[in-house]
Amino acid sequence: LSIVRDGALNPLCELAFSEDTRIQKGAGGAILNLSHIDTHCEQLLLCGVCASLHHYLVSGDPHLQFYAAATLSNLSVQVEEPSGLVNDEGLRCLVSLLRGSERLVQQSCIALRNLASQSTMQMRVTDCDVLEPLYPPLSPVTLCS
């Protein structure tokens, strides 16, 4: 893609910190789209996308949180060691999204599953009390509905 070839990833990641939430959402959507292409994942990591994703997770904006969770889902299956993708505060934010809208719950579950697929991340994920918010979505009433 020309955006990658032309060196626009660093400015794109910087747009995550714009004061204009429309710009943040545009950057988040672009970052998510780029994370679908495995060859771009390493380049995203090199340009510091993790700081952008953390900013989105803690923002409180459900759109930005969705972009962060979806991008983390994609990146976590592309890297050998996902432990550097998200810090403990970011993990706790990801777990808190399990109490959000159905869309956020689904994407957070996928991100947490992908992150926890690596043994180095399993304890970190469980240490964030992930099981308690997972109980309601997995309850028999929900499963049988």
Protein backbone atom coordinates (compact mmCIF):
# COMPACT_ATOMS: atom_id res chain seq x y z
CA LEU A 1 0.00 0.00 0.00
CA SER A 2 1.19 3.48 -0.78
CA ILE A 3 0.45 4.73 2.76
CA VAL A 4 3.05 2.29 4.07
CA ARG A 5 5.49 2.81 1.20
CA ASP A 6 5.30 6.58 1.50
CA GLY A 7 6.10 6.57 5.22
CA ALA A 8 2.74 7.76 6.48
CA LEU A 9 2.48 5.28 9.36
CA ASN A 10 4.24 7.47 11.93
CA PRO A 11 1.99 10.49 11.25
CA LEU A 12 -1.03 8.15 11.23
CA CYS A 13 -0.13 6.84 14.69
CA GLU A 14 0.37 10.40 15.91
CA LEU A 15 -3.16 11.30 14.77
CA ALA A 16 -4.46 8.98 17.49
CA PHE A 17 -3.60 11.76 19.93
CA SER A 18 -5.43 14.52 18.06
CA GLU A 19 -7.81 16.61 20.11
CA ASP A 20 -10.45 16.09 17.41
CA THR A 21 -12.20 12.75 18.00
CA ARG A 22 -13.21 12.56 14.33
CA ILE A 23 -9.54 12.55 13.40
CA GLN A 24 -8.82 9.95 16.08
CA LYS A 25 -11.60 7.73 14.69
CA GLY A 26 -10.32 8.12 11.13
CA ALA A 27 -6.82 7.17 12.22
CA GLY A 28 -8.19 4.26 14.26
CA GLY A 29 -10.10 2.92 11.27
CA ALA A 30 -7.04 3.22 9.04
CA ILE A 31 -4.82 1.49 11.61
CA LEU A 32 -7.37 -1.31 11.96
CA ASN A 33 -7.55 -1.76 8.19
CA LEU A 34 -3.76 -1.90 7.93
CA SER A 35 -3.59 -4.48 10.71
CA HIS A 36 -5.54 -6.92 8.54
CA ILE A 37 -2.49 -7.23 6.28
CA ASP A 38 0.14 -9.34 8.00
CA THR A 39 3.05 -7.66 6.24
CA HIS A 40 2.01 -4.31 7.72
CA CYS A 41 1.76 -5.50 11.33
CA GLU A 42 5.50 -5.28 11.96
CA GLN A 43 5.61 -1.82 10.41
CA LEU A 44 2.73 -0.68 12.61
CA LEU A 45 4.59 -1.94 15.67
CA LEU A 46 7.78 -0.19 14.61
CA CYS A 47 5.96 3.13 14.29
CA GLY A 48 4.62 2.90 17.85
CA VAL A 49 1.05 1.81 17.26
CA CYS A 50 0.87 0.30 20.77
CA ALA A 51 0.81 3.77 22.34
CA SER A 52 -2.06 4.73 20.02
CA LEU A 53 -3.99 1.58 20.91
CA HIS A 54 -3.47 2.19 24.62
CA HIS A 55 -4.74 5.74 24.19
CA TYR A 56 -7.84 4.38 22.45
CA LEU A 57 -8.47 1.74 25.14
CA VAL A 58 -8.40 4.26 27.99
CA SER A 59 -10.29 6.96 26.07
CA GLY A 60 -13.79 5.87 27.11
CA ASP A 61 -14.97 6.28 23.50
CA PRO A 62 -16.62 3.01 22.39
CA HIS A 63 -15.62 3.52 18.74
CA LEU A 64 -11.97 4.04 19.60
CA GLN A 65 -12.07 1.15 22.06
CA PHE A 66 -13.48 -1.10 19.34
CA TYR A 67 -10.70 -0.08 16.94
CA ALA A 68 -8.10 -0.81 19.62
CA ALA A 69 -9.56 -4.22 20.51
CA ALA A 70 -9.90 -5.24 16.86
CA THR A 71 -6.38 -4.08 16.02
CA LEU A 72 -4.97 -5.91 19.05
CA SER A 73 -6.81 -9.03 17.88
CA ASN A 74 -5.10 -8.81 14.51
CA LEU A 75 -1.65 -7.93 15.81
CA SER A 76 -1.64 -10.59 18.53
CA VAL A 77 -1.87 -13.39 15.98
CA GLN A 78 0.87 -11.90 13.82
CA VAL A 79 3.62 -11.43 16.41
CA GLU A 80 5.65 -14.14 18.10
CA GLU A 81 5.50 -12.48 21.50
CA PRO A 82 2.34 -10.44 22.17
CA SER A 83 3.30 -9.42 25.71
CA GLY A 84 4.61 -6.07 24.46
CA LEU A 85 1.39 -5.18 22.67
CA VAL A 86 -0.53 -4.04 25.72
CA ASN A 87 0.40 -3.09 29.27
CA ASP A 88 -1.55 -4.14 32.36
CA GLU A 89 -3.69 -0.99 32.36
CA GLY A 90 -4.60 -1.66 28.73
CA LEU A 91 -5.45 -5.27 29.58
CA ARG A 92 -7.72 -4.11 32.40
CA CYS A 93 -9.43 -1.71 29.98
CA LEU A 94 -9.88 -4.55 27.51
CA VAL A 95 -11.44 -6.68 30.25
CA SER A 96 -13.72 -3.81 31.28
CA LEU A 97 -15.08 -3.73 27.72
CA LEU A 98 -16.62 -7.13 28.46
CA ARG A 99 -19.29 -5.13 30.29
CA GLY A 100 -19.97 -2.93 27.26
CA SER A 101 -22.14 -3.21 24.18
CA GLU A 102 -22.44 -6.53 22.37
CA ARG A 103 -20.05 -5.31 19.69
CA LEU A 104 -17.40 -4.40 22.28
CA VAL A 105 -17.90 -7.65 24.19
CA GLN A 106 -17.41 -9.71 21.03
CA GLN A 107 -14.30 -7.86 19.94
CA SER A 108 -12.81 -7.84 23.43
CA CYS A 109 -13.35 -11.59 23.76
CA ILE A 110 -11.53 -12.17 20.47
CA ALA A 111 -8.66 -9.88 21.49
CA LEU A 112 -8.30 -11.50 24.90
CA ARG A 113 -8.45 -14.98 23.38
CA ASN A 114 -5.77 -14.11 20.83
CA LEU A 115 -3.57 -12.46 23.43
CA ALA A 116 -3.97 -15.36 25.86
CA SER A 117 -3.11 -17.92 23.20
CA GLN A 118 0.53 -17.26 24.05
CA SER A 119 1.66 -18.80 27.33
CA THR A 120 3.46 -15.63 28.41
CA MET A 121 0.18 -13.71 28.30
CA GLN A 122 -2.13 -16.25 29.95
CA MET A 123 -1.31 -15.31 33.53
CA ARG A 124 -1.39 -11.59 32.75
CA VAL A 125 -4.86 -11.91 31.25
CA THR A 126 -6.22 -14.02 34.11
CA ASP A 127 -4.63 -11.66 36.66
CA CYS A 128 -6.90 -8.92 35.26
CA ASP A 129 -9.96 -10.75 36.64
CA VAL A 130 -11.17 -11.71 33.18
CA LEU A 131 -13.31 -14.62 34.39
CA GLU A 132 -15.89 -12.63 36.37
CA PRO A 133 -17.06 -10.39 33.48
CA LEU A 134 -17.06 -13.42 31.17
CA TYR A 135 -19.54 -15.27 33.34
CA PRO A 136 -22.70 -13.35 32.25
CA PRO A 137 -22.06 -13.75 28.48
CA LEU A 138 -21.40 -17.46 29.03
CA SER A 139 -24.27 -18.13 31.43
CA PRO A 140 -26.75 -20.91 30.53
CA VAL A 141 -29.52 -18.37 29.91
CA THR A 142 -27.37 -16.55 27.34
CA LEU A 143 -26.21 -19.77 25.69
CA CYS A 144 -29.75 -21.13 25.35
CA SER A 145 -31.34 -17.93 24.07
